[in-house]
Structure formats: structure tokens, C-alpha cells
C-alpha atoms as a PDB file:
ATOM      1  CA  MET A   1     -42.518 -13.748  22.118  1.00  0.00           C
ATOM      2  CA  PRO A   2     -41.632 -12.082  18.775  1.00  0.00           C
ATOM      3  CA  ARG A   3     -38.226 -12.814  17.290  1.00  0.00           C
ATOM      4  CA  ALA A   4     -35.760  -9.952  17.358  1.00  0.00           C
ATOM      5  CA  ILE A   5     -34.646  -8.746  13.973  1.00  0.00           C
ATOM      6  CA  PRO A   6     -30.861  -8.407  13.912  1.00  0.00           C
ATOM      7  CA  THR A   7     -29.468  -4.984  13.152  1.00  0.00           C
ATOM      8  CA  VAL A   8     -27.536  -4.906   9.905  1.00  0.00           C
ATOM      9  CA  GLN A   9     -24.822  -2.340   9.407  1.00  0.00           C
ATOM     10  CA  ARG A  10     -24.637  -1.090   5.835  1.00  0.00           C
ATOM     11  CA  ARG A  11     -21.437  -1.863   3.994  1.00  0.00           C
ATOM     12  CA  LEU A  12     -22.242   0.077   0.827  1.00  0.00           C
ATOM     13  CA  LEU A  13     -22.670   3.848   0.924  1.00  0.00           C
ATOM     14  CA  GLY A  14     -24.044   6.300  -1.626  1.00  0.00           C
ATOM     15  CA  TYR A  15     -22.449   9.623  -2.510  1.00  0.00           C
ATOM     16  CA  PRO A  16     -24.010  11.589   0.384  1.00  0.00           C
ATOM     17  CA  GLU A  17     -22.990   8.986   2.979  1.00  0.00           C
ATOM     18  CA  VAL A  18     -19.449   8.549   1.664  1.00  0.00           C
ATOM     19  CA  ALA A  19     -19.013  12.327   1.544  1.00  0.00           C
ATOM     20  CA  THR A  20     -20.121  12.583   5.169  1.00  0.00           C
ATOM     21  CA  TYR A  21     -17.885   9.641   6.124  1.00  0.00           C
ATOM     22  CA  LEU A  22     -14.874  11.387   4.568  1.00  0.00           C
ATOM     23  CA  GLY A  23     -15.847  14.889   5.709  1.00  0.00           C
ATOM     24  CA  ILE A  24     -15.943  16.247   2.150  1.00  0.00           C
ATOM     25  CA  SER A  25     -18.604  17.536  -0.210  1.00  0.00           C
ATOM     26  CA  VAL A  26     -20.639  15.277  -2.479  1.00  0.00           C
ATOM     27  CA  ARG A  27     -19.024  17.036  -5.433  1.00  0.00           C
ATOM     28  CA  ALA A  28     -15.538  16.201  -4.117  1.00  0.00           C
ATOM     29  CA  ALA A  29     -16.584  12.564  -3.625  1.00  0.00           C
ATOM     30  CA  LYS A  30     -17.830  12.440  -7.221  1.00  0.00           C
ATOM     31  CA  GLU A  31     -14.526  13.880  -8.442  1.00  0.00           C
ATOM     32  CA  LEU A  32     -12.524  11.283  -6.490  1.00  0.00           C
ATOM     33  CA  ALA A  33     -14.672   8.511  -7.959  1.00  0.00           C
ATOM     34  CA  HIS A  34     -14.363   9.932 -11.472  1.00  0.00           C
ATOM     35  CA  GLU A  35     -10.555  10.094 -11.082  1.00  0.00           C
ATOM     36  CA  GLY A  36     -10.542   6.445  -9.957  1.00  0.00           C
ATOM     37  CA  LYS A  37      -9.197   7.286  -6.501  1.00  0.00           C
ATOM     38  CA  LEU A  38     -12.343   5.999  -4.792  1.00  0.00           C
ATOM     39  CA  LEU A  39     -13.392   2.559  -5.992  1.00  0.00           C
ATOM     40  CA  LYS A  40     -17.080   2.310  -6.800  1.00  0.00           C
ATOM     41  CA  VAL A  41     -19.561  -0.537  -6.948  1.00  0.00           C
ATOM     42  CA  LEU A  42     -22.235  -0.350  -9.632  1.00  0.00           C
ATOM     43  CA  ILE A  43     -25.525  -2.053  -8.867  1.00  0.00           C
ATOM     44  CA  GLY A  44     -27.850  -1.361 -11.743  1.00  0.00           C
ATOM     45  CA  HIS A  45     -27.546   2.375 -12.262  1.00  0.00           C
ATOM     46  CA  ARG A  46     -26.650   3.091  -8.618  1.00  0.00           C
ATOM     47  CA  VAL A  47     -23.107   4.098  -7.698  1.00  0.00           C
ATOM     48  CA  LEU A  48     -22.110   2.853  -4.257  1.00  0.00           C
ATOM     49  CA  PHE A  49     -18.916   2.656  -2.230  1.00  0.00           C
ATOM     50  CA  ASP A  50     -17.714  -0.214  -0.077  1.00  0.00           C
ATOM     51  CA  VAL A  51     -16.718   1.033   3.390  1.00  0.00           C
ATOM     52  CA  VAL A  52     -13.687  -1.290   3.274  1.00  0.00           C
ATOM     53  CA  ASP A  53     -12.468   0.444   0.082  1.00  0.00           C
ATOM     54  CA  VAL A  54     -13.121   3.881   1.585  1.00  0.00           C
ATOM     55  CA  ASP A  55     -11.089   2.945   4.668  1.00  0.00           C
ATOM     56  CA  HIS A  56      -8.303   1.707   2.374  1.00  0.00           C
ATOM     57  CA  PHE A  57      -8.399   5.053   0.524  1.00  0.00           C
ATOM     58  CA  ILE A  58      -8.004   6.861   3.855  1.00  0.00           C
ATOM     59  CA  GLU A  59      -4.986   4.717   4.756  1.00  0.00           C
ATOM     60  CA  GLN A  60      -3.398   5.440   1.361  1.00  0.00           C
ATOM     61  CA  ILE A  61      -3.730   9.204   1.687  1.00  0.00           C
ATOM     62  CA  LYS A  62      -2.433   9.056   5.272  1.00  0.00           C
ATOM     63  CA  ARG A  63       0.738   7.338   4.050  1.00  0.00           C
ATOM     64  CA  ALA A  64       1.155   9.838   1.208  1.00  0.00           C
ATOM     65  CA  SER A  65       1.011  12.807   3.601  1.00  0.00           C
END
């Protein structure tokens, strides 16, 4: 019987995924990252976003509203 490969949920998202997650455009996500409002993770030349940090960003803007 073949071993089942566990499903891994991604923790790091690229610009398109984080934009979809937040319900904004990719351009808006890039602006938030450039302004330092969205923390980014650099792996080589790739810019990624930790879902935990994105959730924290959401909580911050909820409190500010």
C-alpha cells in the first residue's frame, strides 16, 4: 500500500495570492509592502508574505477603523 503524502498548507504567499487573500489589487499589495505596512519575506529575489503577518495586518487595520 503506498504511503499517503501529507497535504501541506502554504504559509508564504506571493503578491497575487496575498492580494486575493486581502481582496485588493496586486498593485495595492505592492504599495502596502513598499510603505512597510505589509511585512515581506525575501527569499533570494522572491518577495513573499507570511500569512501570520497578513492576519496581523488585518487585525491592526480593524482596530484603527
